[in-house]
Full PDB file with SEQRES, HELIX, SHEET, SSBOND, CRYST1, ORIGX, SCALE, CONECT and MASTER records, all heavy atoms in Angstrom:
SEQRES   1 A   30  GLU ASP THR ALA VAL TYR PHE CYS ALA ARG SER TYR SER          
SEQRES   2 A   30  LEU LEU VAL LYS ILE THR ALA ARG GLU TYR GLU TYR TRP          
SEQRES   3 A   30  GLY GLN GLY THR                                              
HELIX    1 AA1 ALA A   20  GLU A   22  5                                   3    
SHEET    1 AA1 2 ALA A   9  SER A  11  0                                        
SHEET    2 AA1 2 TYR A  23  TRP A  26 -1                                        
CRYST1    1.000    1.000    1.000  90.00  90.00  90.00 P 1           1          
ORIGX1      1.000000  0.000000  0.000000        0.00000                         
ORIGX2      0.000000  1.000000  0.000000        0.00000                         
ORIGX3      0.000000  0.000000  1.000000        0.00000                         
SCALE1      1.000000  0.000000  0.000000        0.00000                         
SCALE2      0.000000  1.000000  0.000000        0.00000                         
SCALE3      0.000000  0.000000  1.000000        0.00000                         
ATOM      1  N   GLU A   1      -7.696  12.901   9.587  1.00  0.00           N  
ATOM      2  CA  GLU A   1      -8.032  12.563  10.961  1.00  0.00           C  
ATOM      3  C   GLU A   1      -8.445  11.101  11.154  1.00  0.00           C  
ATOM      4  O   GLU A   1      -8.648  10.668  12.302  1.00  0.00           O  
ATOM      5  CB  GLU A   1      -9.135  13.483  11.496  1.00  0.00           C  
ATOM      6  CG  GLU A   1     -10.385  13.531  10.625  1.00  0.00           C  
ATOM      7  CD  GLU A   1     -10.402  14.716   9.702  1.00  0.00           C  
ATOM      8  OE1 GLU A   1      -9.341  15.061   9.128  1.00  0.00           O  
ATOM      9  OE2 GLU A   1     -11.486  15.330   9.526  1.00  0.00           O  
ATOM     10  N   ASP A   2      -8.576  10.360  10.060  1.00  0.00           N  
ATOM     11  CA  ASP A   2      -8.845   8.925  10.177  1.00  0.00           C  
ATOM     12  C   ASP A   2      -7.588   8.130  10.480  1.00  0.00           C  
ATOM     13  O   ASP A   2      -7.676   6.934  10.765  1.00  0.00           O  
ATOM     14  CB  ASP A   2      -9.469   8.390   8.878  1.00  0.00           C  
ATOM     15  CG  ASP A   2     -10.863   8.958   8.621  1.00  0.00           C  
ATOM     16  OD1 ASP A   2     -11.620   9.148   9.593  1.00  0.00           O  
ATOM     17  OD2 ASP A   2     -11.179   9.211   7.445  1.00  0.00           O  
ATOM     18  N   THR A   3      -6.437   8.778  10.420  1.00  0.00           N  
ATOM     19  CA  THR A   3      -5.182   8.110  10.740  1.00  0.00           C  
ATOM     20  C   THR A   3      -5.213   7.622  12.181  1.00  0.00           C  
ATOM     21  O   THR A   3      -5.381   8.399  13.095  1.00  0.00           O  
ATOM     22  CB  THR A   3      -4.002   9.039  10.518  1.00  0.00           C  
ATOM     23  OG1 THR A   3      -3.907   9.373   9.121  1.00  0.00           O  
ATOM     24  CG2 THR A   3      -2.710   8.390  10.949  1.00  0.00           C  
ATOM     25  N   ALA A   4      -5.032   6.316  12.373  1.00  0.00           N  
ATOM     26  CA  ALA A   4      -5.094   5.717  13.687  1.00  0.00           C  
ATOM     27  C   ALA A   4      -4.802   4.231  13.569  1.00  0.00           C  
ATOM     28  O   ALA A   4      -4.717   3.693  12.482  1.00  0.00           O  
ATOM     29  CB  ALA A   4      -6.489   5.916  14.308  1.00  0.00           C  
ATOM     30  N   VAL A   5      -4.636   3.598  14.743  1.00  0.00           N  
ATOM     31  CA  VAL A   5      -4.627   2.137  14.767  1.00  0.00           C  
ATOM     32  C   VAL A   5      -6.060   1.657  14.956  1.00  0.00           C  
ATOM     33  O   VAL A   5      -6.748   2.099  15.884  1.00  0.00           O  
ATOM     34  CB  VAL A   5      -3.742   1.625  15.922  1.00  0.00           C  
ATOM     35  CG1 VAL A   5      -3.783   0.090  15.988  1.00  0.00           C  
ATOM     36  CG2 VAL A   5      -2.294   2.096  15.741  1.00  0.00           C  
ATOM     37  N   TYR A   6      -6.487   0.793  14.091  1.00  0.00           N  
ATOM     38  CA  TYR A   6      -7.850   0.277  14.104  1.00  0.00           C  
ATOM     39  C   TYR A   6      -7.892  -1.114  14.711  1.00  0.00           C  
ATOM     40  O   TYR A   6      -7.105  -1.995  14.319  1.00  0.00           O  
ATOM     41  CB  TYR A   6      -8.440   0.276  12.715  1.00  0.00           C  
ATOM     42  CG  TYR A   6      -8.843   1.649  12.228  1.00  0.00           C  
ATOM     43  CD1 TYR A   6      -7.864   2.560  11.872  1.00  0.00           C  
ATOM     44  CD2 TYR A   6     -10.177   2.014  12.146  1.00  0.00           C  
ATOM     45  CE1 TYR A   6      -8.215   3.843  11.448  1.00  0.00           C  
ATOM     46  CE2 TYR A   6     -10.540   3.293  11.721  1.00  0.00           C  
ATOM     47  CZ  TYR A   6      -9.540   4.196  11.376  1.00  0.00           C  
ATOM     48  OH  TYR A   6      -9.905   5.453  10.945  1.00  0.00           O  
ATOM     49  N   PHE A   7      -8.797  -1.334  15.633  1.00  0.00           N  
ATOM     50  CA  PHE A   7      -8.929  -2.598  16.330  1.00  0.00           C  
ATOM     51  C   PHE A   7     -10.330  -3.178  16.095  1.00  0.00           C  
ATOM     52  O   PHE A   7     -11.315  -2.432  16.088  1.00  0.00           O  
ATOM     53  CB  PHE A   7      -8.762  -2.436  17.854  1.00  0.00           C  
ATOM     54  CG  PHE A   7      -7.417  -1.910  18.269  1.00  0.00           C  
ATOM     55  CD1 PHE A   7      -7.185  -0.557  18.318  1.00  0.00           C  
ATOM     56  CD2 PHE A   7      -6.429  -2.797  18.618  1.00  0.00           C  
ATOM     57  CE1 PHE A   7      -5.959  -0.062  18.736  1.00  0.00           C  
ATOM     58  CE2 PHE A   7      -5.192  -2.307  19.028  1.00  0.00           C  
ATOM     59  CZ  PHE A   7      -4.962  -0.957  19.075  1.00  0.00           C  
ATOM     60  N   CYS A   8     -10.424  -4.471  15.895  1.00  0.00           N  
ATOM     61  CA  CYS A   8     -11.714  -5.120  15.918  1.00  0.00           C  
ATOM     62  C   CYS A   8     -11.879  -5.825  17.275  1.00  0.00           C  
ATOM     63  O   CYS A   8     -10.912  -6.132  17.956  1.00  0.00           O  
ATOM     64  CB  CYS A   8     -11.880  -6.127  14.783  1.00  0.00           C  
ATOM     65  SG  CYS A   8     -10.867  -7.605  14.886  1.00  0.00           S  
ATOM     66  N   ALA A   9     -13.129  -6.037  17.651  1.00  0.00           N  
ATOM     67  CA  ALA A   9     -13.420  -6.624  18.955  1.00  0.00           C  
ATOM     68  C   ALA A   9     -14.704  -7.426  18.888  1.00  0.00           C  
ATOM     69  O   ALA A   9     -15.596  -7.138  18.088  1.00  0.00           O  
ATOM     70  CB  ALA A   9     -13.522  -5.532  20.031  1.00  0.00           C  
ATOM     71  N   ARG A  10     -14.780  -8.418  19.741  1.00  0.00           N  
ATOM     72  CA  ARG A  10     -15.970  -9.278  19.861  1.00  0.00           C  
ATOM     73  C   ARG A  10     -16.630  -9.052  21.188  1.00  0.00           C  
ATOM     74  O   ARG A  10     -15.981  -9.170  22.230  1.00  0.00           O  
ATOM     75  CB  ARG A  10     -15.564 -10.749  19.677  1.00  0.00           C  
ATOM     76  CG  ARG A  10     -16.733 -11.738  19.696  1.00  0.00           C  
ATOM     77  CD  ARG A  10     -16.204 -13.144  19.474  1.00  0.00           C  
ATOM     78  NE  ARG A  10     -17.253 -14.155  19.297  1.00  0.00           N  
ATOM     79  CZ  ARG A  10     -17.776 -14.864  20.289  1.00  0.00           C  
ATOM     80  NH1 ARG A  10     -17.366 -14.684  21.550  1.00  0.00           N  
ATOM     81  NH2 ARG A  10     -18.708 -15.778  20.012  1.00  0.00           N  
ATOM     82  N   SER A  11     -17.936  -8.779  21.151  1.00  0.00           N  
ATOM     83  CA  SER A  11     -18.686  -8.525  22.366  1.00  0.00           C  
ATOM     84  C   SER A  11     -19.178  -9.811  22.978  1.00  0.00           C  
ATOM     85  O   SER A  11     -19.238 -10.846  22.328  1.00  0.00           O  
ATOM     86  CB  SER A  11     -19.864  -7.604  22.032  1.00  0.00           C  
ATOM     87  OG  SER A  11     -20.668  -7.387  23.187  1.00  0.00           O  
ATOM     88  N   TYR A  12     -19.582  -9.718  24.239  1.00  0.00           N  
ATOM     89  CA  TYR A  12     -20.259 -10.838  24.904  1.00  0.00           C  
ATOM     90  C   TYR A  12     -21.711 -10.911  24.502  1.00  0.00           C  
ATOM     91  O   TYR A  12     -22.381 -11.888  24.770  1.00  0.00           O  
ATOM     92  CB  TYR A  12     -20.155 -10.688  26.414  1.00  0.00           C  
ATOM     93  CG  TYR A  12     -20.766  -9.407  26.960  1.00  0.00           C  
ATOM     94  CD1 TYR A  12     -22.129  -9.315  27.187  1.00  0.00           C  
ATOM     95  CD2 TYR A  12     -19.966  -8.304  27.229  1.00  0.00           C  
ATOM     96  CE1 TYR A  12     -22.694  -8.141  27.662  1.00  0.00           C  
ATOM     97  CE2 TYR A  12     -20.511  -7.144  27.706  1.00  0.00           C  
ATOM     98  CZ  TYR A  12     -21.860  -7.053  27.915  1.00  0.00           C  
ATOM     99  OH  TYR A  12     -22.431  -5.870  28.380  1.00  0.00           O  
ATOM    100  N   SER A  13     -22.224  -9.864  23.860  1.00  0.00           N  
ATOM    101  CA  SER A  13     -23.633  -9.702  23.560  1.00  0.00           C  
ATOM    102  C   SER A  13     -23.927  -9.912  22.065  1.00  0.00           C  
ATOM    103  O   SER A  13     -23.039  -9.767  21.223  1.00  0.00           O  
ATOM    104  CB  SER A  13     -24.106  -8.317  23.965  1.00  0.00           C  
ATOM    105  OG  SER A  13     -25.447  -8.098  23.587  1.00  0.00           O  
ATOM    106  N   LEU A  14     -25.173 -10.229  21.746  1.00  0.00           N  
ATOM    107  CA  LEU A  14     -25.620 -10.282  20.373  1.00  0.00           C  
ATOM    108  C   LEU A  14     -25.941  -8.873  19.843  1.00  0.00           C  
ATOM    109  O   LEU A  14     -25.952  -8.665  18.627  1.00  0.00           O  
ATOM    110  CB  LEU A  14     -26.859 -11.137  20.236  1.00  0.00           C  
ATOM    111  CG  LEU A  14     -26.720 -12.647  20.487  1.00  0.00           C  
ATOM    112  CD1 LEU A  14     -28.077 -13.291  20.537  1.00  0.00           C  
ATOM    113  CD2 LEU A  14     -25.853 -13.280  19.426  1.00  0.00           C  
ATOM    114  N   LEU A  15     -26.199  -7.952  20.756  1.00  0.00           N  
ATOM    115  CA  LEU A  15     -26.629  -6.615  20.378  1.00  0.00           C  
ATOM    116  C   LEU A  15     -25.434  -5.680  20.172  1.00  0.00           C  
ATOM    117  O   LEU A  15     -24.360  -5.893  20.740  1.00  0.00           O  
ATOM    118  CB  LEU A  15     -27.537  -6.025  21.441  1.00  0.00           C  
ATOM    119  CG  LEU A  15     -28.731  -6.932  21.849  1.00  0.00           C  
ATOM    120  CD1 LEU A  15     -29.527  -6.252  22.948  1.00  0.00           C  
ATOM    121  CD2 LEU A  15     -29.616  -7.226  20.637  1.00  0.00           C  
ATOM    122  N   VAL A  16     -25.645  -4.632  19.396  1.00  0.00           N  
ATOM    123  CA  VAL A  16     -24.585  -3.676  19.157  1.00  0.00           C  
ATOM    124  C   VAL A  16     -24.207  -2.965  20.462  1.00  0.00           C  
ATOM    125  O   VAL A  16     -25.059  -2.599  21.246  1.00  0.00           O  
ATOM    126  CB  VAL A  16     -24.939  -2.650  18.089  1.00  0.00           C  
ATOM    127  CG1 VAL A  16     -25.111  -3.332  16.733  1.00  0.00           C  
ATOM    128  CG2 VAL A  16     -26.231  -1.898  18.447  1.00  0.00           C  
ATOM    129  N   LYS A  17     -22.891  -2.766  20.658  1.00  0.00           N  
ATOM    130  CA  LYS A  17     -22.351  -2.103  21.831  1.00  0.00           C  
ATOM    131  C   LYS A  17     -21.370  -1.030  21.392  1.00  0.00           C  
ATOM    132  O   LYS A  17     -20.711  -1.176  20.368  1.00  0.00           O  
ATOM    133  CB  LYS A  17     -21.671  -3.108  22.740  1.00  0.00           C  
ATOM    134  CG  LYS A  17     -22.556  -4.270  23.207  1.00  0.00           C  
ATOM    135  CD  LYS A  17     -23.687  -3.778  24.105  1.00  0.00           C  
ATOM    136  CE  LYS A  17     -24.544  -4.924  24.579  1.00  0.00           C  
ATOM    137  NZ  LYS A  17     -25.659  -4.472  25.419  1.00  0.00           N  
ATOM    138  N   ILE A  18     -21.268   0.020  22.184  1.00  0.00           N  
ATOM    139  CA  ILE A  18     -20.450   1.158  21.793  1.00  0.00           C  
ATOM    140  C   ILE A  18     -19.321   1.519  22.746  1.00  0.00           C  
ATOM    141  O   ILE A  18     -18.588   2.449  22.509  1.00  0.00           O  
ATOM    142  CB  ILE A  18     -21.307   2.419  21.526  1.00  0.00           C  
ATOM    143  CG1 ILE A  18     -22.009   2.864  22.823  1.00  0.00           C  
ATOM    144  CG2 ILE A  18     -22.347   2.130  20.443  1.00  0.00           C  
ATOM    145  CD1 ILE A  18     -22.721   4.202  22.687  1.00  0.00           C  
ATOM    146  N   THR A  19     -19.176   0.762  23.841  1.00  0.00           N  
ATOM    147  CA  THR A  19     -18.098   1.032  24.771  1.00  0.00           C  
ATOM    148  C   THR A  19     -17.163  -0.145  24.821  1.00  0.00           C  
ATOM    149  O   THR A  19     -17.550  -1.302  24.690  1.00  0.00           O  
ATOM    150  CB  THR A  19     -18.620   1.330  26.181  1.00  0.00           C  
ATOM    151  OG1 THR A  19     -19.311   0.195  26.695  1.00  0.00           O  
ATOM    152  CG2 THR A  19     -19.579   2.528  26.160  1.00  0.00           C  
ATOM    153  N   ALA A  20     -15.879   0.124  25.041  1.00  0.00           N  
ATOM    154  CA  ALA A  20     -14.855  -0.904  25.023  1.00  0.00           C  
ATOM    155  C   ALA A  20     -15.089  -1.956  26.083  1.00  0.00           C  
ATOM    156  O   ALA A  20     -14.773  -3.133  25.898  1.00  0.00           O  
ATOM    157  CB  ALA A  20     -13.492  -0.268  25.193  1.00  0.00           C  
ATOM    158  N   ARG A  21     -15.644  -1.553  27.239  1.00  0.00           N  
ATOM    159  CA  ARG A  21     -15.877  -2.501  28.332  1.00  0.00           C  
ATOM    160  C   ARG A  21     -16.903  -3.544  27.999  1.00  0.00           C  
ATOM    161  O   ARG A  21     -17.034  -4.538  28.731  1.00  0.00           O  
ATOM    162  CB  ARG A  21     -16.241  -1.760  29.606  1.00  0.00           C  
ATOM    163  CG  ARG A  21     -17.552  -1.021  29.532  1.00  0.00           C  
ATOM    164  CD  ARG A  21     -17.878  -0.360  30.879  1.00  0.00           C  
ATOM    165  NE  ARG A  21     -19.121   0.376  30.842  1.00  0.00           N  
ATOM    166  CZ  ARG A  21     -19.229   1.650  30.499  1.00  0.00           C  
ATOM    167  NH1 ARG A  21     -18.144   2.333  30.168  1.00  0.00           N  
ATOM    168  NH2 ARG A  21     -20.420   2.256  30.490  1.00  0.00           N  
ATOM    169  N   GLU A  22     -17.662  -3.359  26.932  1.00  0.00           N  
ATOM    170  CA  GLU A  22     -18.676  -4.320  26.524  1.00  0.00           C  
ATOM    171  C   GLU A  22     -18.161  -5.328  25.513  1.00  0.00           C  
ATOM    172  O   GLU A  22     -18.936  -6.107  24.962  1.00  0.00           O  
ATOM    173  CB  GLU A  22     -19.883  -3.581  25.967  1.00  0.00           C  
ATOM    174  CG  GLU A  22     -20.611  -2.743  27.013  1.00  0.00           C  
ATOM    175  CD  GLU A  22     -21.663  -1.823  26.454  1.00  0.00           C  
ATOM    176  OE1 GLU A  22     -21.359  -1.044  25.524  1.00  0.00           O  
ATOM    177  OE2 GLU A  22     -22.833  -1.905  26.924  1.00  0.00           O  
ATOM    178  N   TYR A  23     -16.853  -5.339  25.295  1.00  0.00           N  
ATOM    179  CA  TYR A  23     -16.199  -6.273  24.371  1.00  0.00           C  
ATOM    180  C   TYR A  23     -15.206  -7.138  25.144  1.00  0.00           C  
ATOM    181  O   TYR A  23     -14.448  -6.648  25.982  1.00  0.00           O  
ATOM    182  CB  TYR A  23     -15.536  -5.522  23.228  1.00  0.00           C  
ATOM    183  CG  TYR A  23     -16.523  -4.917  22.287  1.00  0.00           C  
ATOM    184  CD1 TYR A  23     -17.135  -3.711  22.551  1.00  0.00           C  
ATOM    185  CD2 TYR A  23     -16.867  -5.584  21.112  1.00  0.00           C  
ATOM    186  CE1 TYR A  23     -18.069  -3.172  21.692  1.00  0.00           C  
ATOM    187  CE2 TYR A  23     -17.802  -5.045  20.247  1.00  0.00           C  
ATOM    188  CZ  TYR A  23     -18.381  -3.835  20.535  1.00  0.00           C  
ATOM    189  OH  TYR A  23     -19.334  -3.286  19.658  1.00  0.00           O  
ATOM    190  N   GLU A  24     -15.222  -8.416  24.814  1.00  0.00           N  
ATOM    191  CA  GLU A  24     -14.373  -9.378  25.533  1.00  0.00           C  
ATOM    192  C   GLU A  24     -13.025  -9.649  24.874  1.00  0.00           C  
ATOM    193  O   GLU A  24     -12.029  -9.840  25.556  1.00  0.00           O  
ATOM    194  CB  GLU A  24     -15.109 -10.725  25.658  1.00  0.00           C  
ATOM    195  CG  GLU A  24     -16.271 -10.717  26.643  1.00  0.00           C  
ATOM    196  CD  GLU A  24     -16.804 -12.129  26.854  1.00  0.00           C  
ATOM    197  OE1 GLU A  24     -17.157 -12.794  25.856  1.00  0.00           O  
ATOM    198  OE2 GLU A  24     -16.894 -12.551  28.013  1.00  0.00           O  
ATOM    199  N   TYR A  25     -13.014  -9.704  23.548  1.00  0.00           N  
ATOM    200  CA  TYR A  25     -11.817 -10.080  22.821  1.00  0.00           C  
ATOM    201  C   TYR A  25     -11.424  -9.001  21.857  1.00  0.00           C  
ATOM    202  O   TYR A  25     -12.287  -8.370  21.222  1.00  0.00           O  
ATOM    203  CB  TYR A  25     -12.037 -11.412  22.097  1.00  0.00           C  
ATOM    204  CG  TYR A  25     -12.349 -12.573  23.006  1.00  0.00           C  
ATOM    205  CD1 TYR A  25     -13.681 -12.964  23.190  1.00  0.00           C  
ATOM    206  CD2 TYR A  25     -11.349 -13.240  23.695  1.00  0.00           C  
ATOM    207  CE1 TYR A  25     -13.993 -14.020  24.027  1.00  0.00           C  
ATOM    208  CE2 TYR A  25     -11.677 -14.275  24.557  1.00  0.00           C  
ATOM    209  CZ  TYR A  25     -12.986 -14.668  24.717  1.00  0.00           C  
ATOM    210  OH  TYR A  25     -13.292 -15.718  25.564  1.00  0.00           O  
ATOM    211  N   TRP A  26     -10.124  -8.836  21.676  1.00  0.00           N  
ATOM    212  CA  TRP A  26      -9.586  -7.755  20.837  1.00  0.00           C  
ATOM    213  C   TRP A  26      -8.476  -8.285  19.930  1.00  0.00           C  
ATOM    214  O   TRP A  26      -7.720  -9.188  20.294  1.00  0.00           O  
ATOM    215  CB  TRP A  26      -9.005  -6.650  21.709  1.00  0.00           C  
ATOM    216  CG  TRP A  26     -10.040  -5.968  22.512  1.00  0.00           C  
ATOM    217  CD1 TRP A  26     -10.573  -6.360  23.699  1.00  0.00           C  
ATOM    218  CD2 TRP A  26     -10.688  -4.719  22.197  1.00  0.00           C  
ATOM    219  NE1 TRP A  26     -11.527  -5.467  24.142  1.00  0.00           N  
ATOM    220  CE2 TRP A  26     -11.594  -4.446  23.230  1.00  0.00           C  
ATOM    221  CE3 TRP A  26     -10.567  -3.810  21.149  1.00  0.00           C  
ATOM    222  CZ2 TRP A  26     -12.408  -3.302  23.254  1.00  0.00           C  
ATOM    223  CZ3 TRP A  26     -11.347  -2.692  21.141  1.00  0.00           C  
ATOM    224  CH2 TRP A  26     -12.272  -2.428  22.183  1.00  0.00           C  
ATOM    225  N   GLY A  27      -8.412  -7.702  18.720  1.00  0.00           N  
ATOM    226  CA  GLY A  27      -7.327  -7.984  17.827  1.00  0.00           C  
ATOM    227  C   GLY A  27      -6.102  -7.150  18.174  1.00  0.00           C  
ATOM    228  O   GLY A  27      -6.107  -6.354  19.119  1.00  0.00           O  
ATOM    229  N   GLN A  28      -5.052  -7.336  17.387  1.00  0.00           N  
ATOM    230  CA  GLN A  28      -3.803  -6.656  17.666  1.00  0.00           C  
ATOM    231  C   GLN A  28      -3.738  -5.243  17.085  1.00  0.00           C  
ATOM    232  O   GLN A  28      -2.852  -4.457  17.453  1.00  0.00           O  
ATOM    233  CB  GLN A  28      -2.627  -7.476  17.082  1.00  0.00           C  
ATOM    234  CG  GLN A  28      -2.365  -7.289  15.588  1.00  0.00           C  
ATOM    235  CD  GLN A  28      -3.410  -7.956  14.700  1.00  0.00           C  
ATOM    236  OE1 GLN A  28      -4.258  -8.699  15.147  1.00  0.00           O  
ATOM    237  NE2 GLN A  28      -3.334  -7.640  13.403  1.00  0.00           N  
ATOM    238  N   GLY A  29      -4.663  -4.931  16.215  1.00  0.00           N  
ATOM    239  CA  GLY A  29      -4.713  -3.614  15.593  1.00  0.00           C  
ATOM    240  C   GLY A  29      -3.994  -3.573  14.254  1.00  0.00           C  
ATOM    241  O   GLY A  29      -3.039  -4.297  14.014  1.00  0.00           O  
ATOM    242  N   THR A  30      -4.478  -2.720  13.380  1.00  0.00           N  
ATOM    243  CA  THR A  30      -3.843  -2.489  12.091  1.00  0.00           C  
ATOM    244  C   THR A  30      -3.781  -0.980  11.850  1.00  0.00           C  
ATOM    245  O   THR A  30      -4.721  -0.261  12.098  1.00  0.00           O  
ATOM    246  CB  THR A  30      -4.610  -3.235  10.949  1.00  0.00           C  
ATOM    247  OG1 THR A  30      -3.881  -3.097   9.727  1.00  0.00           O  
ATOM    248  CG2 THR A  30      -6.023  -2.686  10.765  1.00  0.00           C  
TER     249      THR A  30                                                      
MASTER        0    0    0    1    2    0    0    6  248    1    0    3          
END                                                                             
């Protein structure tokens, strides 16, 4: 069930965030 496309993202915040809308930049996925 870990099979998926994995994306990294950079938030606008210094604090940990758990929703996609709290991230500004995204990679292409692997």
